[in-house]
Amino acid sequence: MVTINFNNFSDDNKVLFLLGLSEKVLSVFSQTEDRSAAQYVIEQCWEWLEEKDNRGGTLYDLLDNEENGITIIQEMAANEVEATAWNCIIDATAYTSRKAFDREGAMYYPEPIALVDDTLVNHFIECFKRIIVDAQLYIQQIVSLLDEYSDPKMISDRRNKILTELHILD
């Protein structure tokens, strides 16, 4: 079992860790609509990581929009496994939203985002392990890949390399 010292990761690598593993979670969704919704949200998080634009509010809206936010979609999950998969997607998005708000210099956060900190990774990993076969292997691989691909100027390249190495992207 690999020990993860999330606090020692750079902020970019913390987001990469959550997003990279979230990509693996997408395969859990049985409904095309759910998989597409989750993929769209994760894609928006990747775009923020690459561009570092003012997107904290946009990412938060993807979480908590009353009509089509992913927290609403999670409530209608077909089963416990998919609800747990949504937990991973929600955690990754909330964490990315928090980092985006931080980068924007926000003084105030939407209430759910104000509660987000590095301890969120524990919930994410717990959920990930419940739904992904060989979860520990994926976690170990991504931790080693984050060390290997650490150049912050190569975010999009790191994404492709990490997803390819994890056999998520062919």
Protein backbone atom coordinates (compact mmCIF):
# COMPACT_ATOMS: atom_id res chain seq x y z
CA MET A 1 0.00 0.00 0.00
CA VAL A 2 1.39 3.38 -1.02
CA THR A 3 1.44 6.25 1.44
CA ILE A 4 0.20 9.50 0.00
CA ASN A 5 1.44 12.73 1.48
CA PHE A 6 -1.03 14.95 -0.33
CA ASN A 7 0.17 18.01 1.59
CA ASN A 8 3.58 17.73 -0.09
CA PHE A 9 2.11 17.90 -3.60
CA SER A 10 2.09 21.23 -5.43
CA ASP A 11 -1.39 22.71 -5.88
CA ASP A 12 -1.31 21.71 -9.56
CA ASN A 13 -0.37 18.15 -8.69
CA LYS A 14 -3.14 17.95 -6.09
CA VAL A 15 -5.65 18.87 -8.79
CA LEU A 16 -3.97 16.53 -11.29
CA PHE A 17 -4.18 13.68 -8.79
CA LEU A 18 -7.92 14.14 -8.30
CA LEU A 19 -8.72 14.75 -11.96
CA GLY A 20 -6.56 11.89 -13.22
CA LEU A 21 -8.25 9.40 -10.92
CA SER A 22 -11.65 10.93 -11.69
CA GLU A 23 -11.12 10.06 -15.34
CA LYS A 24 -10.94 6.40 -14.27
CA VAL A 25 -14.21 6.81 -12.36
CA LEU A 26 -16.04 7.79 -15.57
CA SER A 27 -16.11 4.13 -16.63
CA VAL A 28 -18.35 3.31 -13.65
CA PHE A 29 -21.37 5.20 -14.98
CA SER A 30 -23.88 2.96 -16.75
CA GLN A 31 -25.90 5.79 -18.27
CA THR A 32 -24.40 7.68 -21.20
CA GLU A 33 -25.99 10.90 -19.94
CA ASP A 34 -24.32 10.58 -16.54
CA ARG A 35 -20.94 9.73 -18.05
CA SER A 36 -21.25 12.71 -20.43
CA ALA A 37 -22.22 15.08 -17.62
CA ALA A 38 -19.34 13.91 -15.45
CA GLN A 39 -16.90 14.09 -18.37
CA TYR A 40 -17.99 17.66 -19.17
CA VAL A 41 -17.43 18.77 -15.57
CA ILE A 42 -14.03 17.09 -15.37
CA GLU A 43 -13.10 18.64 -18.73
CA GLN A 44 -13.94 22.09 -17.34
CA CYS A 45 -11.64 21.40 -14.40
CA TRP A 46 -8.82 20.33 -16.74
CA GLU A 47 -9.32 23.54 -18.74
CA TRP A 48 -9.03 25.62 -15.58
CA LEU A 49 -5.83 23.80 -14.65
CA GLU A 50 -4.35 24.52 -18.08
CA GLU A 51 -5.53 28.13 -18.39
CA LYS A 52 -5.79 29.32 -14.76
CA ASP A 53 -8.59 31.67 -15.77
CA ASN A 54 -11.28 33.05 -13.45
CA ARG A 55 -13.48 30.01 -13.37
CA GLY A 56 -14.12 29.34 -9.66
CA GLY A 57 -17.75 30.45 -9.86
CA THR A 58 -18.35 28.53 -13.07
CA LEU A 59 -16.98 25.33 -11.56
CA TYR A 60 -19.07 25.87 -8.46
CA ASP A 61 -22.19 26.32 -10.60
CA LEU A 62 -21.48 22.96 -12.25
CA LEU A 63 -21.65 21.47 -8.77
CA ASP A 64 -24.58 23.24 -7.24
CA ASN A 65 -26.83 24.57 -10.00
CA GLU A 66 -30.43 23.91 -8.93
CA GLU A 67 -31.46 22.64 -12.35
CA ASN A 68 -28.55 20.54 -13.56
CA GLY A 69 -25.72 20.65 -11.03
CA ILE A 70 -23.94 17.38 -10.47
CA THR A 71 -25.02 17.24 -6.85
CA ILE A 72 -28.62 17.08 -8.12
CA ILE A 73 -27.68 14.38 -10.63
CA GLN A 74 -25.99 12.41 -7.84
CA GLU A 75 -29.24 12.38 -5.85
CA MET A 76 -30.86 10.53 -8.77
CA ALA A 77 -28.04 7.99 -9.17
CA ALA A 78 -29.19 4.56 -10.31
CA ASN A 79 -27.36 2.75 -7.52
CA GLU A 80 -24.87 3.08 -4.68
CA VAL A 81 -21.84 2.50 -6.91
CA GLU A 82 -22.81 5.36 -9.20
CA ALA A 83 -23.61 7.62 -6.23
CA THR A 84 -20.10 6.88 -4.95
CA ALA A 85 -18.66 7.64 -8.40
CA TRP A 86 -20.45 10.98 -8.27
CA ASN A 87 -18.80 11.60 -4.88
CA CYS A 88 -15.41 11.34 -6.59
CA ILE A 89 -16.44 13.71 -9.39
CA ILE A 90 -17.94 16.15 -6.89
CA ASP A 91 -14.84 16.06 -4.68
CA ALA A 92 -12.51 16.70 -7.64
CA THR A 93 -14.69 19.54 -8.91
CA ALA A 94 -15.10 21.13 -5.48
CA TYR A 95 -11.35 20.98 -4.89
CA THR A 96 -10.60 22.49 -8.30
CA SER A 97 -13.22 25.19 -7.72
CA ARG A 98 -11.60 26.04 -4.38
CA LYS A 99 -8.17 26.31 -6.00
CA ALA A 100 -9.65 28.51 -8.74
CA PHE A 101 -11.28 30.81 -6.16
CA ASP A 102 -7.98 30.93 -4.22
CA ARG A 103 -6.07 31.87 -7.36
CA GLU A 104 -8.63 34.61 -8.08
CA GLY A 105 -7.97 36.05 -4.61
CA ALA A 106 -11.52 35.44 -3.41
CA MET A 107 -12.22 36.72 0.08
CA TYR A 108 -15.47 34.80 0.36
CA TYR A 109 -16.49 31.43 -0.99
CA PRO A 110 -19.83 29.73 -1.54
CA GLU A 111 -20.50 27.86 1.69
CA PRO A 112 -19.74 24.33 0.41
CA ILE A 113 -16.48 25.53 -1.17
CA ALA A 114 -15.43 27.31 2.03
CA LEU A 115 -15.32 23.88 3.69
CA VAL A 116 -12.98 22.37 1.07
CA ASP A 117 -9.38 21.73 2.07
CA ASP A 118 -6.70 19.07 1.57
CA THR A 119 -8.53 16.62 3.85
CA LEU A 120 -11.07 16.18 1.05
CA VAL A 121 -8.62 13.77 -0.58
CA ASN A 122 -9.33 11.24 2.17
CA HIS A 123 -13.02 11.08 1.22
CA PHE A 124 -12.11 10.94 -2.46
CA ILE A 125 -9.71 8.02 -1.96
CA GLU A 126 -12.19 6.16 0.24
CA CYS A 127 -14.85 6.44 -2.47
CA PHE A 128 -12.39 5.61 -5.25
CA LYS A 129 -11.32 2.43 -3.49
CA ARG A 130 -14.94 1.31 -3.11
CA ILE A 131 -15.70 1.45 -6.82
CA ILE A 132 -12.47 0.86 -8.75
CA VAL A 133 -10.87 -2.56 -9.00
CA ASP A 134 -7.13 -2.29 -8.27
CA ALA A 135 -7.68 1.23 -6.95
CA GLN A 136 -4.46 1.15 -4.92
CA LEU A 137 -2.49 0.38 -8.08
CA TYR A 138 -3.97 3.41 -9.89
CA ILE A 139 -3.24 5.61 -6.89
CA GLN A 140 0.35 4.36 -6.71
CA GLN A 141 0.83 4.87 -10.45
CA ILE A 142 -0.48 8.42 -10.46
CA VAL A 143 1.65 9.40 -7.47
CA SER A 144 4.78 8.17 -9.25
CA LEU A 145 3.71 9.84 -12.51
CA LEU A 146 3.20 13.17 -10.78
CA ASP A 147 6.83 13.05 -9.69
CA GLU A 148 7.95 12.10 -13.19
CA TYR A 149 5.91 14.76 -15.01
CA SER A 150 6.37 17.72 -12.70
CA ASP A 151 6.92 20.61 -15.13
CA PRO A 152 4.02 23.01 -14.46
CA LYS A 153 4.33 24.45 -17.99
CA MET A 154 3.30 21.11 -19.44
CA ILE A 155 -0.13 20.64 -17.82
CA SER A 156 -1.94 19.45 -20.95
CA ASP A 157 0.98 17.22 -21.88
CA ARG A 158 1.02 15.79 -18.35
CA ARG A 159 -2.68 15.09 -18.59
CA ASN A 160 -2.28 13.04 -21.75
CA LYS A 161 0.80 11.23 -20.48
CA ILE A 162 -0.78 10.41 -17.12
CA LEU A 163 -4.03 9.20 -18.65
CA THR A 164 -2.13 7.13 -21.19
CA GLU A 165 0.08 5.59 -18.50
CA LEU A 166 -3.00 4.77 -16.41
CA HIS A 167 -4.54 3.15 -19.51
CA ILE A 168 -7.47 5.54 -19.37
CA LEU A 169 -6.56 7.22 -22.65
CA ASP A 170 -5.42 5.02 -25.52
